[in-house]
Amino acid sequence: MRVPAALLPLVLALLLAGCAAGPAPIPKSLEDELPPIAEPPPVEVPAPLIESPPLEPVEPPRPAPSATPPPPAPAPATPPPAPSPAPVPERPAPAPAPPVESAEDLLMNGLLADLSRYGTLPPDELRRELSAATQALARQRTDVNRLRLGVLYTLVRTSPQDDLRALQLFDNVAKSGGALTPIKHLASVLTVQVSERQRALREEQARAEQAVRKLDQLLEMERALLRERVRSGGGGGGGGGTGGSGGH
């Protein structure tokens, strides 16, 4: 809006006075005559240039945890099994070494072999073995020789005293000092067997003697009856014979 030229000096004076002492009050009479003063348009001041910072990589937002657990990750594919090696043939286990026999075991095995052989010999061979065992015991008085001779006594049995000789030999071996050995145990077993056989023989002999006594008693009764019969019937028979001869 343009200011009239007549009012221009007044306006300048008012502006100067306003700058010196602040705006003076405009008389009321002039307020109505003065046209409204248009405000100057605002001057746009260009904003200073701001250098933009370098762009940084922005991470994507993480998903909020859900109530359900995430599905499991797929299991990795199992590799194909390796081919099994060819079976190796097993070597046979080595045979265990035979146990080493002690001197006592060797003597026991030899004794058992001899006793088993004695049971198959005829009487003549048994008597020869008995003579050889007697000589061996005279040279070496060992428990093995005593058992050999004692068993031969029980097999030959030329007299009732043979069992007694065998029992004496077995008893000497079983009751010898020292620890219990297989040979001593065998001697104890043989002692029991021979003792049982002697007991059975005694019982059999006792029954035989009892039977003989009963037989003798029966024979004695029979002889007594015969004597009684002869005594009672012999006289009548003689008288009848005499009468017959007289009548003839």
C-alpha atoms as a PDB file:
ATOM      1  CA  MET A   1       0.000   0.000   0.000  1.00  0.00           C
ATOM      2  CA  ARG A   2       1.348   3.373  -1.005  1.00  0.00           C
ATOM      3  CA  VAL A   3       1.489   6.292   1.539  1.00  0.00           C
ATOM      4  CA  PRO A   4       0.219   9.652   0.297  1.00  0.00           C
ATOM      5  CA  ALA A   5       2.895  12.135  -0.277  1.00  0.00           C
ATOM      6  CA  ALA A   6       1.313  14.666   2.067  1.00  0.00           C
ATOM      7  CA  LEU A   7       1.592  12.276   4.961  1.00  0.00           C
ATOM      8  CA  LEU A   8       5.063  10.991   4.220  1.00  0.00           C
ATOM      9  CA  PRO A   9       6.946  13.562   6.373  1.00  0.00           C
ATOM     10  CA  LEU A  10       4.728  12.815   9.314  1.00  0.00           C
ATOM     11  CA  VAL A  11       5.308   9.166   8.993  1.00  0.00           C
ATOM     12  CA  LEU A  12       9.078   9.566   8.865  1.00  0.00           C
ATOM     13  CA  ALA A  13       9.032  11.745  11.933  1.00  0.00           C
ATOM     14  CA  LEU A  14       7.030   9.246  13.823  1.00  0.00           C
ATOM     15  CA  LEU A  15       9.403   6.474  12.832  1.00  0.00           C
ATOM     16  CA  LEU A  16      12.397   8.447  14.013  1.00  0.00           C
ATOM     17  CA  ALA A  17      10.764   9.330  17.263  1.00  0.00           C
ATOM     18  CA  GLY A  18       9.762   5.727  17.756  1.00  0.00           C
ATOM     19  CA  CYS A  19      13.276   4.596  17.264  1.00  0.00           C
ATOM     20  CA  ALA A  20      14.570   7.158  19.841  1.00  0.00           C
ATOM     21  CA  ALA A  21      12.005   7.004  22.585  1.00  0.00           C
ATOM     22  CA  GLY A  22       9.780   4.135  21.692  1.00  0.00           C
ATOM     23  CA  PRO A  23       6.540   4.419  19.852  1.00  0.00           C
ATOM     24  CA  ALA A  24       4.512   7.527  20.791  1.00  0.00           C
ATOM     25  CA  PRO A  25       0.865   7.262  21.140  1.00  0.00           C
ATOM     26  CA  ILE A  26      -0.988   8.234  18.024  1.00  0.00           C
ATOM     27  CA  PRO A  27      -3.633  10.835  18.596  1.00  0.00           C
ATOM     28  CA  LYS A  28      -7.051   9.486  18.452  1.00  0.00           C
ATOM     29  CA  SER A  29      -8.004  11.872  15.701  1.00  0.00           C
ATOM     30  CA  LEU A  30      -5.308  10.558  13.453  1.00  0.00           C
ATOM     31  CA  GLU A  31      -5.988   6.886  14.086  1.00  0.00           C
ATOM     32  CA  ASP A  32      -9.056   7.062  12.057  1.00  0.00           C
ATOM     33  CA  GLU A  33      -7.329   8.845   9.175  1.00  0.00           C
ATOM     34  CA  LEU A  34      -4.214   6.687   9.013  1.00  0.00           C
ATOM     35  CA  PRO A  35      -4.576   3.702   6.856  1.00  0.00           C
ATOM     36  CA  PRO A  36      -3.583   0.383   8.308  1.00  0.00           C
ATOM     37  CA  ILE A  37       0.094  -0.329   7.994  1.00  0.00           C
ATOM     38  CA  ALA A  38       0.808  -3.546   6.279  1.00  0.00           C
ATOM     39  CA  GLU A  39       3.434  -5.664   7.887  1.00  0.00           C
ATOM     40  CA  PRO A  40       6.364  -6.452   5.652  1.00  0.00           C
ATOM     41  CA  PRO A  41       6.515  -9.979   4.568  1.00  0.00           C
ATOM     42  CA  PRO A  42       8.924 -12.110   6.540  1.00  0.00           C
ATOM     43  CA  VAL A  43      12.274 -12.520   5.001  1.00  0.00           C
ATOM     44  CA  GLU A  44      13.129 -16.116   4.540  1.00  0.00           C
ATOM     45  CA  VAL A  45      16.612 -16.830   5.753  1.00  0.00           C
ATOM     46  CA  PRO A  46      18.064 -19.862   4.146  1.00  0.00           C
ATOM     47  CA  ALA A  47      18.851 -22.579   6.615  1.00  0.00           C
ATOM     48  CA  PRO A  48      22.523 -23.385   6.937  1.00  0.00           C
ATOM     49  CA  LEU A  49      23.625 -26.444   5.155  1.00  0.00           C
ATOM     50  CA  ILE A  50      24.217 -29.337   7.501  1.00  0.00           C
ATOM     51  CA  GLU A  51      26.476 -32.092   6.406  1.00  0.00           C
ATOM     52  CA  SER A  52      24.671 -35.389   6.626  1.00  0.00           C
ATOM     53  CA  PRO A  53      26.479 -38.104   8.590  1.00  0.00           C
ATOM     54  CA  PRO A  54      27.483 -41.276   6.791  1.00  0.00           C
ATOM     55  CA  LEU A  55      24.807 -43.830   6.575  1.00  0.00           C
ATOM     56  CA  GLU A  56      25.283 -46.753   8.999  1.00  0.00           C
ATOM     57  CA  PRO A  57      23.906 -50.229   8.367  1.00  0.00           C
ATOM     58  CA  VAL A  58      20.620 -50.665  10.131  1.00  0.00           C
ATOM     59  CA  GLU A  59      19.931 -54.078  11.626  1.00  0.00           C
ATOM     60  CA  PRO A  60      16.524 -55.523  10.862  1.00  0.00           C
ATOM     61  CA  PRO A  61      14.227 -55.558  13.854  1.00  0.00           C
ATOM     62  CA  ARG A  62      14.262 -58.824  15.780  1.00  0.00           C
ATOM     63  CA  PRO A  63      10.974 -60.677  15.930  1.00  0.00           C
ATOM     64  CA  ALA A  64       9.230 -60.591  19.280  1.00  0.00           C
ATOM     65  CA  PRO A  65       9.498 -63.903  21.179  1.00  0.00           C
ATOM     66  CA  SER A  66       6.379 -65.929  20.726  1.00  0.00           C
ATOM     67  CA  ALA A  67       4.821 -68.290  23.221  1.00  0.00           C
ATOM     68  CA  THR A  68       5.310 -71.357  21.025  1.00  0.00           C
ATOM     69  CA  PRO A  69       8.899 -72.553  20.559  1.00  0.00           C
ATOM     70  CA  PRO A  70      10.297 -72.309  17.069  1.00  0.00           C
ATOM     71  CA  PRO A  71      10.219 -75.504  15.065  1.00  0.00           C
ATOM     72  CA  PRO A  72      13.353 -77.591  15.454  1.00  0.00           C
ATOM     73  CA  ALA A  73      15.956 -77.269  12.849  1.00  0.00           C
ATOM     74  CA  PRO A  74      16.018 -80.167  10.443  1.00  0.00           C
ATOM     75  CA  ALA A  75      18.511 -82.837  11.433  1.00  0.00           C
ATOM     76  CA  PRO A  76      21.525 -83.021   9.197  1.00  0.00           C
ATOM     77  CA  ALA A  77      21.463 -85.840   6.787  1.00  0.00           C
ATOM     78  CA  THR A  78      23.347 -88.868   8.117  1.00  0.00           C
ATOM     79  CA  PRO A  79      26.187 -89.934   5.915  1.00  0.00           C
ATOM     80  CA  PRO A  80      25.934 -93.411   4.463  1.00  0.00           C
ATOM     81  CA  PRO A  81      27.583 -96.083   6.672  1.00  0.00           C
ATOM     82  CA  ALA A  82      31.095 -96.934   5.800  1.00  0.00           C
ATOM     83  CA  PRO A  83      31.534-100.401   4.352  1.00  0.00           C
ATOM     84  CA  SER A  84      32.418-102.917   7.059  1.00  0.00           C
ATOM     85  CA  PRO A  85      35.855-104.472   6.722  1.00  0.00           C
ATOM     86  CA  ALA A  86      36.106-108.052   5.700  1.00  0.00           C
ATOM     87  CA  PRO A  87      35.991-110.425   8.734  1.00  0.00           C
ATOM     88  CA  VAL A  88      39.389-111.607   9.825  1.00  0.00           C
ATOM     89  CA  PRO A  89      39.471-115.343  10.517  1.00  0.00           C
ATOM     90  CA  GLU A  90      39.971-116.003  14.198  1.00  0.00           C
ATOM     91  CA  ARG A  91      43.042-117.904  15.153  1.00  0.00           C
ATOM     92  CA  PRO A  92      42.380-120.971  17.274  1.00  0.00           C
ATOM     93  CA  ALA A  93      43.264-120.489  20.881  1.00  0.00           C
ATOM     94  CA  PRO A  94      46.431-122.317  21.842  1.00  0.00           C
ATOM     95  CA  ALA A  95      45.829-125.519  23.721  1.00  0.00           C
ATOM     96  CA  PRO A  96      46.527-125.163  27.443  1.00  0.00           C
ATOM     97  CA  ALA A  97      49.685-126.790  28.610  1.00  0.00           C
ATOM     98  CA  PRO A  98      49.076-130.038  30.503  1.00  0.00           C
ATOM     99  CA  PRO A  99      49.460-129.677  34.246  1.00  0.00           C
ATOM    100  CA  VAL A 100      52.740-130.832  35.652  1.00  0.00           C
ATOM    101  CA  GLU A 101      52.225-133.934  37.773  1.00  0.00           C
ATOM    102  CA  SER A 102      53.933-134.102  41.111  1.00  0.00           C
ATOM    103  CA  ALA A 103      55.944-137.095  42.303  1.00  0.00           C
ATOM    104  CA  GLU A 104      53.019-138.141  44.522  1.00  0.00           C
ATOM    105  CA  ASP A 105      50.653-138.130  41.538  1.00  0.00           C
ATOM    106  CA  LEU A 106      53.059-140.192  39.452  1.00  0.00           C
ATOM    107  CA  LEU A 107      53.352-142.814  42.193  1.00  0.00           C
ATOM    108  CA  MET A 108      49.575-142.895  42.621  1.00  0.00           C
ATOM    109  CA  ASN A 109      48.947-143.343  38.904  1.00  0.00           C
ATOM    110  CA  GLY A 110      51.469-146.181  38.687  1.00  0.00           C
ATOM    111  CA  LEU A 111      49.927-147.885  41.736  1.00  0.00           C
ATOM    112  CA  LEU A 112      46.394-147.690  40.330  1.00  0.00           C
ATOM    113  CA  ALA A 113      47.598-149.128  37.017  1.00  0.00           C
ATOM    114  CA  ASP A 114      49.198-152.100  38.842  1.00  0.00           C
ATOM    115  CA  LEU A 115      46.110-152.756  40.986  1.00  0.00           C
ATOM    116  CA  SER A 116      43.898-152.697  37.901  1.00  0.00           C
ATOM    117  CA  ARG A 117      46.230-155.145  36.169  1.00  0.00           C
ATOM    118  CA  TYR A 118      46.227-157.519  39.171  1.00  0.00           C
ATOM    119  CA  GLY A 119      42.476-157.998  38.831  1.00  0.00           C
ATOM    120  CA  THR A 120      42.872-159.556  35.358  1.00  0.00           C
ATOM    121  CA  LEU A 121      45.665-162.045  36.157  1.00  0.00           C
ATOM    122  CA  PRO A 122      45.121-165.807  36.620  1.00  0.00           C
ATOM    123  CA  PRO A 123      46.059-167.443  39.946  1.00  0.00           C
ATOM    124  CA  ASP A 124      49.546-168.535  38.793  1.00  0.00           C
ATOM    125  CA  GLU A 125      50.426-164.997  37.679  1.00  0.00           C
ATOM    126  CA  LEU A 126      49.071-163.603  40.953  1.00  0.00           C
ATOM    127  CA  ARG A 127      51.379-165.869  42.941  1.00  0.00           C
ATOM    128  CA  ARG A 128      54.382-164.725  40.900  1.00  0.00           C
ATOM    129  CA  GLU A 129      53.400-161.086  41.415  1.00  0.00           C
ATOM    130  CA  LEU A 130      53.028-161.799  45.146  1.00  0.00           C
ATOM    131  CA  SER A 131      56.568-163.150  45.322  1.00  0.00           C
ATOM    132  CA  ALA A 132      57.961-160.165  43.387  1.00  0.00           C
ATOM    133  CA  ALA A 133      56.077-157.665  45.595  1.00  0.00           C
ATOM    134  CA  THR A 134      57.391-159.361  48.739  1.00  0.00           C
ATOM    135  CA  GLN A 135      60.968-158.982  47.495  1.00  0.00           C
ATOM    136  CA  ALA A 136      60.357-155.345  46.480  1.00  0.00           C
ATOM    137  CA  LEU A 137      59.053-154.494  49.959  1.00  0.00           C
ATOM    138  CA  ALA A 138      62.099-156.150  51.512  1.00  0.00           C
ATOM    139  CA  ARG A 139      64.354-153.879  49.399  1.00  0.00           C
ATOM    140  CA  GLN A 140      62.319-150.638  49.759  1.00  0.00           C
ATOM    141  CA  ARG A 141      59.837-150.315  52.583  1.00  0.00           C
ATOM    142  CA  THR A 142      57.648-147.655  50.930  1.00  0.00           C
ATOM    143  CA  ASP A 143      53.900-147.113  51.190  1.00  0.00           C
ATOM    144  CA  VAL A 144      53.400-147.958  47.509  1.00  0.00           C
ATOM    145  CA  ASN A 145      55.107-151.353  47.927  1.00  0.00           C
ATOM    146  CA  ARG A 146      53.029-152.066  51.043  1.00  0.00           C
ATOM    147  CA  LEU A 147      49.794-151.393  49.169  1.00  0.00           C
ATOM    148  CA  ARG A 148      50.830-153.579  46.220  1.00  0.00           C
ATOM    149  CA  LEU A 149      51.666-156.488  48.493  1.00  0.00           C
ATOM    150  CA  GLY A 150      48.509-156.041  50.579  1.00  0.00           C
ATOM    151  CA  VAL A 151      46.228-156.062  47.525  1.00  0.00           C
ATOM    152  CA  LEU A 152      47.968-159.190  46.196  1.00  0.00           C
ATOM    153  CA  TYR A 153      47.367-160.896  49.580  1.00  0.00           C
ATOM    154  CA  THR A 154      43.642-160.179  49.297  1.00  0.00           C
ATOM    155  CA  LEU A 155      43.547-161.590  45.733  1.00  0.00           C
ATOM    156  CA  VAL A 156      45.602-164.757  46.270  1.00  0.00           C
ATOM    157  CA  ARG A 157      44.172-165.770  49.690  1.00  0.00           C
ATOM    158  CA  THR A 158      46.058-169.007  50.049  1.00  0.00           C
ATOM    159  CA  SER A 159      45.115-169.037  53.743  1.00  0.00           C
ATOM    160  CA  PRO A 160      42.806-167.113  56.120  1.00  0.00           C
ATOM    161  CA  GLN A 161      45.877-165.289  57.385  1.00  0.00           C
ATOM    162  CA  ASP A 162      46.331-163.446  54.064  1.00  0.00           C
ATOM    163  CA  ASP A 163      43.563-160.926  54.833  1.00  0.00           C
ATOM    164  CA  LEU A 164      45.091-160.278  58.239  1.00  0.00           C
ATOM    165  CA  ARG A 165      48.493-159.620  56.610  1.00  0.00           C
ATOM    166  CA  ALA A 166      46.850-157.237  54.124  1.00  0.00           C
ATOM    167  CA  LEU A 167      45.016-155.360  56.895  1.00  0.00           C
ATOM    168  CA  GLN A 168      48.272-154.932  58.781  1.00  0.00           C
ATOM    169  CA  LEU A 169      49.978-153.442  55.711  1.00  0.00           C
ATOM    170  CA  PHE A 170      47.060-151.095  54.962  1.00  0.00           C
ATOM    171  CA  ASP A 171      46.890-149.955  58.573  1.00  0.00           C
ATOM    172  CA  ASN A 172      50.616-149.132  58.587  1.00  0.00           C
ATOM    173  CA  VAL A 173      50.162-146.883  55.535  1.00  0.00           C
ATOM    174  CA  ALA A 174      46.967-145.165  56.720  1.00  0.00           C
ATOM    175  CA  LYS A 175      48.331-144.399  60.190  1.00  0.00           C
ATOM    176  CA  SER A 176      51.783-143.236  59.149  1.00  0.00           C
ATOM    177  CA  GLY A 177      52.791-139.717  60.102  1.00  0.00           C
ATOM    178  CA  GLY A 178      52.510-136.646  57.909  1.00  0.00           C
ATOM    179  CA  ALA A 179      49.737-135.011  55.959  1.00  0.00           C
ATOM    180  CA  LEU A 180      46.905-136.935  54.341  1.00  0.00           C
ATOM    181  CA  THR A 181      47.906-138.005  50.844  1.00  0.00           C
ATOM    182  CA  PRO A 182      46.007-139.881  48.104  1.00  0.00           C
ATOM    183  CA  ILE A 183      47.996-143.024  48.906  1.00  0.00           C
ATOM    184  CA  LYS A 184      46.969-142.853  52.579  1.00  0.00           C
ATOM    185  CA  HIS A 185      43.362-142.262  51.566  1.00  0.00           C
ATOM    186  CA  LEU A 186      43.493-145.335  49.319  1.00  0.00           C
ATOM    187  CA  ALA A 187      44.926-147.392  52.181  1.00  0.00           C
ATOM    188  CA  SER A 188      41.990-146.340  54.397  1.00  0.00           C
ATOM    189  CA  VAL A 189      39.500-147.349  51.707  1.00  0.00           C
ATOM    190  CA  LEU A 190      41.165-150.746  51.249  1.00  0.00           C
ATOM    191  CA  THR A 191      41.149-151.279  55.016  1.00  0.00           C
ATOM    192  CA  VAL A 192      37.389-150.711  55.122  1.00  0.00           C
ATOM    193  CA  GLN A 193      36.778-153.052  52.181  1.00  0.00           C
ATOM    194  CA  VAL A 194      38.864-155.892  53.606  1.00  0.00           C
ATOM    195  CA  SER A 195      37.315-155.420  57.051  1.00  0.00           C
ATOM    196  CA  GLU A 196      33.818-155.613  55.537  1.00  0.00           C
ATOM    197  CA  ARG A 197      34.759-158.739  53.659  1.00  0.00           C
ATOM    198  CA  GLN A 198      36.141-160.324  56.822  1.00  0.00           C
ATOM    199  CA  ARG A 199      32.962-159.443  58.697  1.00  0.00           C
ATOM    200  CA  ALA A 200      30.850-160.964  55.930  1.00  0.00           C
ATOM    201  CA  LEU A 201      33.026-164.093  55.957  1.00  0.00           C
ATOM    202  CA  ARG A 202      32.674-164.412  59.724  1.00  0.00           C
ATOM    203  CA  GLU A 203      28.920-164.053  59.500  1.00  0.00           C
ATOM    204  CA  GLU A 204      28.792-166.616  56.695  1.00  0.00           C
ATOM    205  CA  GLN A 205      31.003-168.980  58.678  1.00  0.00           C
ATOM    206  CA  ALA A 206      28.797-168.564  61.718  1.00  0.00           C
ATOM    207  CA  ARG A 207      25.690-169.369  59.665  1.00  0.00           C
ATOM    208  CA  ALA A 208      27.450-172.414  58.169  1.00  0.00           C
ATOM    209  CA  GLU A 209      28.465-173.660  61.630  1.00  0.00           C
ATOM    210  CA  GLN A 210      24.920-173.155  62.877  1.00  0.00           C
ATOM    211  CA  ALA A 211      23.571-175.118  59.919  1.00  0.00           C
ATOM    212  CA  VAL A 212      26.062-177.911  60.609  1.00  0.00           C
ATOM    213  CA  ARG A 213      24.974-178.045  64.251  1.00  0.00           C
ATOM    214  CA  LYS A 214      21.337-178.264  63.233  1.00  0.00           C
ATOM    215  CA  LEU A 215      22.174-181.005  60.776  1.00  0.00           C
ATOM    216  CA  ASP A 216      24.068-182.904  63.454  1.00  0.00           C
ATOM    217  CA  GLN A 217      21.108-182.562  65.780  1.00  0.00           C
ATOM    218  CA  LEU A 218      18.747-183.898  63.120  1.00  0.00           C
ATOM    219  CA  LEU A 219      21.069-186.816  62.386  1.00  0.00           C
ATOM    220  CA  GLU A 220      21.325-187.573  66.087  1.00  0.00           C
ATOM    221  CA  MET A 221      17.527-187.563  66.409  1.00  0.00           C
ATOM    222  CA  GLU A 222      17.216-189.851  63.410  1.00  0.00           C
ATOM    223  CA  ARG A 223      19.760-192.268  64.829  1.00  0.00           C
ATOM    224  CA  ALA A 224      17.943-192.267  68.172  1.00  0.00           C
ATOM    225  CA  LEU A 225      14.654-193.089  66.444  1.00  0.00           C
ATOM    226  CA  LEU A 226      16.273-195.916  64.540  1.00  0.00           C
ATOM    227  CA  ARG A 227      17.737-197.344  67.697  1.00  0.00           C
ATOM    228  CA  GLU A 228      14.376-197.109  69.429  1.00  0.00           C
ATOM    229  CA  ARG A 229      12.648-198.756  66.495  1.00  0.00           C
ATOM    230  CA  VAL A 230      15.197-201.566  66.396  1.00  0.00           C
ATOM    231  CA  ARG A 231      14.905-201.993  70.114  1.00  0.00           C
ATOM    232  CA  SER A 232      11.105-202.170  70.065  1.00  0.00           C
ATOM    233  CA  GLY A 233      10.487-204.045  66.839  1.00  0.00           C
ATOM    234  CA  GLY A 234      13.529-206.219  66.606  1.00  0.00           C
ATOM    235  CA  GLY A 235      12.447-208.666  69.460  1.00  0.00           C
ATOM    236  CA  GLY A 236       8.935-209.297  67.989  1.00  0.00           C
ATOM    237  CA  GLY A 237      10.385-209.958  64.622  1.00  0.00           C
ATOM    238  CA  GLY A 238      12.875-212.500  66.065  1.00  0.00           C
ATOM    239  CA  GLY A 239      10.166-214.412  67.981  1.00  0.00           C
ATOM    240  CA  GLY A 240       8.009-214.647  64.862  1.00  0.00           C
ATOM    241  CA  GLY A 241      10.902-216.012  62.948  1.00  0.00           C
ATOM    242  CA  THR A 242      11.595-218.668  65.534  1.00  0.00           C
ATOM    243  CA  GLY A 243       8.024-219.834  65.620  1.00  0.00           C
ATOM    244  CA  GLY A 244       7.903-220.074  61.893  1.00  0.00           C
ATOM    245  CA  SER A 245      10.968-222.189  61.753  1.00  0.00           C
ATOM    246  CA  GLY A 246       9.608-224.504  64.474  1.00  0.00           C
ATOM    247  CA  GLY A 247       6.349-225.037  62.637  1.00  0.00           C
ATOM    248  CA  HIS A 248       8.192-225.875  59.491  1.00  0.00           C
END
